[in-house]
Protein backbone atom coordinates (compact mmCIF):
# COMPACT_ATOMS: atom_id res chain seq x y z
CA UNK A 1 16.78 16.96 -26.50
CA UNK A 2 14.24 19.09 -28.31
CA UNK A 3 10.97 17.20 -28.76
CA UNK A 4 10.77 18.06 -32.47
CA UNK A 5 14.10 16.26 -33.11
CA UNK A 6 12.85 13.11 -31.35
CA UNK A 7 9.62 13.21 -33.34
CA UNK A 8 11.49 13.55 -36.64
CA UNK A 9 13.85 10.68 -35.76
CA UNK A 10 10.90 8.45 -34.89
CA UNK A 11 9.20 9.43 -38.17
CA UNK A 12 12.39 8.47 -40.03
CA UNK A 13 12.46 5.11 -38.24
CA UNK A 14 8.77 4.55 -39.00
CA UNK A 15 9.37 5.27 -42.69
CA UNK A 16 12.24 2.76 -42.65
CA UNK A 17 10.00 0.12 -41.02
CA UNK A 18 7.33 0.75 -43.66
CA UNK A 19 9.95 0.15 -46.38
CA UNK A 20 10.83 -3.13 -44.67
CA UNK A 21 14.34 -1.73 -44.20
CA UNK A 22 16.70 -2.79 -41.47
CA UNK A 23 16.14 -0.80 -38.29
CA UNK A 24 17.99 -1.35 -35.03
CA UNK A 25 17.01 0.59 -31.93
CA UNK A 26 18.74 0.66 -28.57
CA UNK A 27 21.80 1.98 -26.79
CA UNK A 28 25.03 1.70 -28.80
CA UNK A 29 27.81 0.02 -26.85
CA UNK A 30 30.67 -2.45 -27.10
CA UNK A 31 30.19 -5.94 -25.72
CA UNK A 32 32.64 -6.17 -22.79
CA UNK A 33 33.32 -9.85 -23.50
CA UNK A 34 34.39 -9.66 -27.15
CA UNK A 35 34.47 -5.93 -28.01
CA UNK A 36 31.78 -6.20 -30.71
CA UNK A 37 29.57 -3.18 -31.37
CA UNK A 38 26.01 -3.75 -30.17
CA UNK A 39 22.72 -1.84 -30.48
CA UNK A 40 20.75 -2.97 -27.48
CA UNK A 41 21.24 -6.74 -27.50
CA UNK A 42 21.78 -6.94 -31.28
CA UNK A 43 25.37 -7.45 -32.53
CA UNK A 44 25.92 -5.02 -35.43
CA UNK A 45 28.09 -7.50 -37.35
CA UNK A 46 25.27 -10.05 -37.37
CA UNK A 47 22.64 -7.41 -38.17
CA UNK A 48 24.67 -5.98 -41.08
CA UNK A 49 25.49 -9.40 -42.62
CA UNK A 50 22.08 -9.58 -44.32
CA UNK A 51 23.08 -6.57 -46.43
CA UNK A 52 26.43 -7.98 -47.59
CA UNK A 53 27.17 -7.07 -51.19
CA UNK A 54 24.33 -4.53 -51.41
CA UNK A 55 24.61 -0.76 -51.74
CA UNK A 56 23.15 0.70 -48.54
CA UNK A 57 22.63 3.89 -46.57
CA UNK A 58 23.55 3.62 -42.92
CA UNK A 59 21.90 6.36 -40.85
CA UNK A 60 22.59 6.83 -37.16
CA UNK A 61 20.45 9.36 -35.29
CA UNK A 62 20.90 9.93 -31.57
CA UNK A 63 17.84 10.54 -29.43
CA UNK A 64 20.16 12.34 -26.99
CA UNK A 65 21.35 15.01 -29.45
CA UNK A 66 20.56 18.43 -27.96
CA UNK A 67 21.01 20.50 -31.11
CA UNK A 68 17.82 22.18 -32.32
CA UNK A 69 16.66 21.39 -35.84
CA UNK A 70 17.72 24.06 -38.29
CA UNK A 71 14.89 26.27 -39.46
CA UNK A 72 14.04 26.73 -43.11
CA UNK A 73 11.94 29.19 -45.07
CA UNK A 74 9.28 27.61 -47.27
CA UNK A 75 9.83 28.52 -50.92
CA UNK A 76 6.10 28.35 -51.56
CA UNK A 77 4.51 30.35 -48.75
CA UNK A 78 7.42 31.91 -46.85
CA UNK A 79 6.67 30.21 -43.53
CA UNK A 80 9.64 29.53 -41.25
CA UNK A 81 9.64 25.90 -40.07
CA UNK A 82 11.82 23.05 -38.76
CA UNK A 83 11.57 19.53 -40.11
CA UNK A 84 11.16 17.87 -43.49
CA UNK A 85 8.20 19.88 -44.82
CA UNK A 86 6.37 23.12 -44.30
CA UNK A 87 3.48 22.47 -41.87
CA UNK A 88 1.36 25.25 -43.38
CA UNK A 89 1.66 23.88 -46.93
CA UNK A 90 1.07 20.35 -45.62
CA UNK A 91 -2.19 21.40 -43.92
CA UNK A 92 -3.32 23.18 -47.10
CA UNK A 93 -2.42 20.17 -49.24
CA UNK A 94 -4.36 17.82 -46.92
CA UNK A 95 -7.35 20.16 -46.89
CA UNK A 96 -7.40 20.48 -50.70
CA UNK A 97 -6.55 16.89 -51.62
CA UNK A 98 -8.02 15.12 -48.63
CA UNK A 99 -4.75 13.37 -47.73
């Protein structure tokens, strides 16, 4: 898997942790004893129960996905980049605003 994809997935997970959102990490599989879906050792049914009745987003991102991230062209500076934001504009913004 391209390193940039793994980095972006970990950034997404970190943002979810910072929002105190539900995050499960591990290998997705079915429990051979009862057929329940599991992420690592966590049963998904049990994990999802705390969100019952709430509107949610459920995002699944595989760390084994080999597709490269699509590239974009920044509308501000014209730089070609992959990921959520233009790295050139981000560096400039940090330099000018200090953060």
